[in-house]
């Protein structure tokens, strides 16, 4: 593994609550007039009036309300590692 693997994982997992909060996903619900509110509205319209369980919006709200599970941390850490490796790689010639 490269040197970026540990930092990408730590930064990704550590910033998830901050990023979700900035989008409007809070521990007590969706903040009014936020990106999360727009996502919720769009998902509800697409689903005929309600947000489907297991959808992206429902999952992000659950993560912010309950915190991250070990599985979520592993998935996000892996994604952060891949993103860090990709961002750190030289551009194709």
N, C-alpha and C. Protein backbone atom coordinates (compact mmCIF):
# COMPACT_ATOMS: atom_id res chain seq x y z
N UNK A 1 0.84 -1.19 0.00
CA UNK A 1 0.00 0.00 0.00
C UNK A 1 0.87 1.24 0.00
N UNK A 2 0.41 2.27 -0.64
CA UNK A 2 1.14 3.53 -0.71
C UNK A 2 0.92 4.36 0.53
N UNK A 3 1.69 5.41 0.63
CA UNK A 3 1.58 6.27 1.80
C UNK A 3 0.23 6.97 1.91
N UNK A 4 -0.47 7.14 0.77
CA UNK A 4 -1.75 7.83 0.79
C UNK A 4 -2.89 7.00 1.37
N UNK A 5 -2.70 5.69 1.50
CA UNK A 5 -3.80 4.83 1.92
C UNK A 5 -4.32 5.16 3.33
N UNK A 6 -3.45 5.39 4.28
CA UNK A 6 -3.91 5.68 5.63
C UNK A 6 -4.54 7.05 5.76
N UNK A 7 -3.93 8.06 5.15
CA UNK A 7 -4.45 9.42 5.27
C UNK A 7 -5.77 9.58 4.54
N UNK A 8 -5.89 9.01 3.36
CA UNK A 8 -7.15 9.12 2.62
C UNK A 8 -8.29 8.52 3.40
N UNK A 9 -8.04 7.38 4.02
CA UNK A 9 -9.07 6.71 4.81
C UNK A 9 -9.46 7.54 6.03
N UNK A 10 -8.46 8.03 6.74
CA UNK A 10 -8.74 8.79 7.96
C UNK A 10 -9.46 10.09 7.65
N UNK A 11 -9.02 10.78 6.62
CA UNK A 11 -9.66 12.05 6.27
C UNK A 11 -11.09 11.81 5.81
N UNK A 12 -11.31 10.79 4.99
CA UNK A 12 -12.65 10.50 4.49
C UNK A 12 -13.60 10.20 5.64
N UNK A 13 -13.24 9.27 6.49
CA UNK A 13 -14.12 8.88 7.59
C UNK A 13 -14.30 10.02 8.59
N UNK A 14 -13.24 10.77 8.85
CA UNK A 14 -13.31 11.85 9.83
C UNK A 14 -14.15 13.03 9.39
N UNK A 15 -14.26 13.26 8.09
CA UNK A 15 -14.98 14.43 7.61
C UNK A 15 -16.43 14.14 7.24
N UNK A 16 -16.85 12.90 7.26
CA UNK A 16 -18.22 12.57 6.86
C UNK A 16 -19.27 13.31 7.68
N UNK A 17 -19.21 13.31 9.01
CA UNK A 17 -20.24 14.04 9.76
C UNK A 17 -20.24 15.54 9.45
N UNK A 18 -19.08 16.12 9.25
CA UNK A 18 -18.99 17.56 8.93
C UNK A 18 -19.62 17.83 7.57
N UNK A 19 -19.27 17.00 6.60
CA UNK A 19 -19.80 17.18 5.25
C UNK A 19 -21.31 16.99 5.20
N UNK A 20 -21.81 15.96 5.88
CA UNK A 20 -23.26 15.74 5.91
C UNK A 20 -23.98 16.90 6.59
N UNK A 21 -23.40 17.40 7.67
CA UNK A 21 -23.99 18.54 8.37
C UNK A 21 -24.03 19.77 7.48
N UNK A 22 -22.95 19.98 6.71
CA UNK A 22 -22.90 21.13 5.81
C UNK A 22 -23.95 21.02 4.70
N UNK A 23 -24.28 19.79 4.32
CA UNK A 23 -25.30 19.58 3.29
C UNK A 23 -26.72 19.74 3.85
N UNK A 24 -26.87 19.68 5.17
CA UNK A 24 -28.18 19.84 5.78
C UNK A 24 -28.73 18.59 6.44
N UNK A 25 -27.94 17.52 6.47
CA UNK A 25 -28.35 16.31 7.19
C UNK A 25 -27.89 16.50 8.63
N UNK A 26 -28.84 16.63 9.56
CA UNK A 26 -28.49 16.85 10.96
C UNK A 26 -28.97 15.67 11.80
N UNK A 27 -28.52 15.63 13.03
CA UNK A 27 -28.90 14.52 13.90
C UNK A 27 -30.38 14.55 14.27
N UNK A 28 -31.04 15.68 14.06
CA UNK A 28 -32.47 15.79 14.38
C UNK A 28 -33.37 15.87 13.14
N UNK A 29 -32.77 15.77 11.96
CA UNK A 29 -33.56 15.79 10.74
C UNK A 29 -32.91 16.60 9.64
N UNK A 30 -33.66 16.86 8.60
CA UNK A 30 -33.17 17.61 7.45
C UNK A 30 -33.35 19.11 7.71
N UNK A 31 -32.30 19.89 7.49
CA UNK A 31 -32.37 21.34 7.68
C UNK A 31 -33.13 21.98 6.52
N UNK A 32 -33.99 22.93 6.86
CA UNK A 32 -34.78 23.64 5.84
C UNK A 32 -33.87 24.41 4.89
N UNK A 33 -34.28 24.50 3.64
CA UNK A 33 -33.57 25.27 2.60
C UNK A 33 -32.13 24.82 2.40
N UNK A 34 -31.86 23.53 2.56
CA UNK A 34 -30.51 22.99 2.40
C UNK A 34 -30.45 22.07 1.18
N UNK A 35 -29.25 21.67 0.85
CA UNK A 35 -29.07 20.69 -0.23
C UNK A 35 -29.82 19.41 0.13
N UNK A 36 -29.75 19.01 1.40
CA UNK A 36 -30.44 17.80 1.84
C UNK A 36 -31.95 17.93 1.66
N UNK A 37 -32.49 19.12 1.90
CA UNK A 37 -33.93 19.34 1.71
C UNK A 37 -34.30 19.19 0.24
N UNK A 38 -33.47 19.71 -0.64
CA UNK A 38 -33.72 19.59 -2.08
C UNK A 38 -33.62 18.12 -2.50
N UNK A 39 -32.63 17.41 -1.98
CA UNK A 39 -32.49 15.98 -2.30
C UNK A 39 -33.71 15.20 -1.82
N UNK A 40 -34.17 15.52 -0.62
CA UNK A 40 -35.34 14.85 -0.06
C UNK A 40 -36.57 15.11 -0.91
N UNK A 41 -36.77 16.36 -1.31
CA UNK A 41 -37.91 16.73 -2.14
C UNK A 41 -37.88 15.99 -3.48
N UNK A 42 -36.72 15.98 -4.11
CA UNK A 42 -36.56 15.30 -5.40
C UNK A 42 -36.83 13.81 -5.26
N UNK A 43 -36.28 13.19 -4.21
CA UNK A 43 -36.48 11.75 -3.99
C UNK A 43 -37.95 11.44 -3.73
N UNK A 44 -38.61 12.29 -2.96
CA UNK A 44 -40.03 12.06 -2.65
C UNK A 44 -40.89 12.20 -3.89
N UNK A 45 -40.62 13.20 -4.71
CA UNK A 45 -41.39 13.38 -5.95
C UNK A 45 -41.18 12.18 -6.88
N UNK A 46 -39.93 11.74 -7.00
CA UNK A 46 -39.62 10.60 -7.88
C UNK A 46 -40.25 9.30 -7.38
N UNK A 47 -40.48 9.22 -6.07
CA UNK A 47 -41.02 7.99 -5.49
C UNK A 47 -42.52 8.09 -5.22
N UNK A 48 -43.17 9.09 -5.73
CA UNK A 48 -44.61 9.20 -5.56
C UNK A 48 -45.06 9.79 -4.23
N UNK A 49 -44.20 10.54 -3.55
CA UNK A 49 -44.63 11.22 -2.34
C UNK A 49 -43.87 10.89 -1.08
N UNK A 50 -43.03 9.90 -1.09
CA UNK A 50 -42.26 9.56 0.11
C UNK A 50 -40.86 9.14 -0.26
N UNK A 51 -39.94 9.28 0.66
CA UNK A 51 -38.56 8.86 0.44
C UNK A 51 -38.48 7.36 0.72
N UNK A 52 -37.98 6.62 -0.25
CA UNK A 52 -37.88 5.16 -0.12
C UNK A 52 -36.84 4.77 0.92
N UNK A 53 -37.18 3.78 1.73
CA UNK A 53 -36.22 3.23 2.68
C UNK A 53 -35.05 2.64 1.91
N UNK A 54 -33.84 2.90 2.37
CA UNK A 54 -32.66 2.38 1.71
C UNK A 54 -32.15 3.26 0.58
N UNK A 55 -32.86 4.35 0.27
CA UNK A 55 -32.40 5.26 -0.78
C UNK A 55 -31.20 6.06 -0.27
N UNK A 56 -30.54 6.76 -1.17
CA UNK A 56 -29.39 7.56 -0.79
C UNK A 56 -29.74 8.57 0.29
N UNK A 57 -30.86 9.27 0.11
CA UNK A 57 -31.28 10.28 1.09
C UNK A 57 -31.54 9.64 2.44
N UNK A 58 -32.24 8.54 2.46
CA UNK A 58 -32.55 7.85 3.72
C UNK A 58 -31.27 7.36 4.40
N UNK A 59 -30.35 6.84 3.60
CA UNK A 59 -29.09 6.33 4.15
C UNK A 59 -28.25 7.46 4.74
N UNK A 60 -28.13 8.58 4.01
CA UNK A 60 -27.35 9.70 4.52
C UNK A 60 -27.95 10.26 5.81
N UNK A 61 -29.27 10.34 5.88
CA UNK A 61 -29.91 10.82 7.11
C UNK A 61 -29.66 9.87 8.26
N UNK A 62 -29.72 8.58 7.99
CA UNK A 62 -29.47 7.58 9.04
C UNK A 62 -28.03 7.66 9.55
N UNK A 63 -27.09 7.85 8.63
CA UNK A 63 -25.68 7.96 9.02
C UNK A 63 -25.48 9.16 9.93
N UNK A 64 -26.06 10.28 9.58
CA UNK A 64 -25.90 11.49 10.41
C UNK A 64 -26.61 11.33 11.75
N UNK A 65 -27.78 10.71 11.77
CA UNK A 65 -28.54 10.56 13.00
C UNK A 65 -27.92 9.56 13.96
N UNK A 66 -27.40 8.46 13.42
CA UNK A 66 -26.91 7.39 14.28
C UNK A 66 -25.39 7.26 14.32
N UNK A 67 -24.69 7.96 13.48
CA UNK A 67 -23.24 7.81 13.40
C UNK A 67 -22.90 6.71 12.40
N UNK A 68 -21.63 6.48 12.22
CA UNK A 68 -21.18 5.51 11.23
C UNK A 68 -20.97 4.14 11.86
N UNK A 69 -21.47 3.11 11.17
CA UNK A 69 -21.22 1.74 11.60
C UNK A 69 -19.81 1.34 11.15
N UNK A 70 -19.33 0.23 11.64
CA UNK A 70 -18.02 -0.27 11.23
C UNK A 70 -18.00 -0.52 9.73
N UNK A 71 -19.07 -1.10 9.20
CA UNK A 71 -19.14 -1.36 7.76
C UNK A 71 -19.05 -0.07 6.97
N UNK A 72 -19.77 0.96 7.39
CA UNK A 72 -19.72 2.25 6.71
C UNK A 72 -18.32 2.84 6.75
N UNK A 73 -17.65 2.71 7.90
CA UNK A 73 -16.29 3.23 8.01
C UNK A 73 -15.35 2.51 7.05
N UNK A 74 -15.51 1.19 6.92
CA UNK A 74 -14.67 0.42 6.00
C UNK A 74 -14.93 0.84 4.56
N UNK A 75 -16.19 0.97 4.19
CA UNK A 75 -16.55 1.36 2.82
C UNK A 75 -16.02 2.76 2.52
N UNK A 76 -16.27 3.72 3.42
CA UNK A 76 -15.81 5.08 3.20
C UNK A 76 -14.29 5.18 3.22
N UNK A 77 -13.66 4.41 4.08
CA UNK A 77 -12.20 4.39 4.11
C UNK A 77 -11.61 3.85 2.82
N UNK A 78 -12.22 2.82 2.28
CA UNK A 78 -11.77 2.25 1.00
C UNK A 78 -11.97 3.26 -0.12
N UNK A 79 -13.11 3.92 -0.12
CA UNK A 79 -13.38 4.93 -1.15
C UNK A 79 -12.38 6.08 -1.03
N UNK A 80 -12.07 6.49 0.18
CA UNK A 80 -11.10 7.56 0.39
C UNK A 80 -9.71 7.16 -0.07
N UNK A 81 -9.35 5.91 0.18
CA UNK A 81 -8.06 5.40 -0.27
C UNK A 81 -7.98 5.42 -1.79
N UNK A 82 -9.03 4.94 -2.44
CA UNK A 82 -9.05 4.92 -3.91
C UNK A 82 -9.01 6.34 -4.47
N UNK A 83 -9.77 7.24 -3.88
CA UNK A 83 -9.78 8.63 -4.34
C UNK A 83 -8.41 9.27 -4.13
N UNK A 84 -7.81 9.04 -2.97
CA UNK A 84 -6.48 9.59 -2.70
C UNK A 84 -5.44 9.07 -3.67
N UNK A 85 -5.51 7.78 -3.98
CA UNK A 85 -4.57 7.20 -4.95
C UNK A 85 -4.78 7.79 -6.33
N UNK A 86 -6.04 7.96 -6.70
CA UNK A 86 -6.35 8.52 -8.02
C UNK A 86 -5.90 9.97 -8.11
N UNK A 87 -6.18 10.77 -7.09
CA UNK A 87 -5.78 12.17 -7.10
C UNK A 87 -4.27 12.33 -7.05
N UNK A 88 -3.60 11.38 -6.42
CA UNK A 88 -2.14 11.46 -6.31
C UNK A 88 -1.39 10.89 -7.50
N UNK A 89 -2.10 10.25 -8.41
CA UNK A 89 -1.44 9.65 -9.56
C UNK A 89 -1.16 10.72 -10.63
N UNK A 90 -0.08 10.51 -11.42
CA UNK A 90 0.24 11.49 -12.46
C UNK A 90 -0.79 11.45 -13.58
N UNK A 91 -1.05 12.58 -14.21
CA UNK A 91 -2.02 12.59 -15.32
C UNK A 91 -1.50 11.79 -16.50
N UNK A 92 -2.41 11.20 -17.28
CA UNK A 92 -1.97 10.43 -18.44
C UNK A 92 -1.31 11.35 -19.46
N UNK A 93 -0.30 10.81 -20.16
CA UNK A 93 0.38 11.66 -21.16
C UNK A 93 -0.22 11.52 -22.53
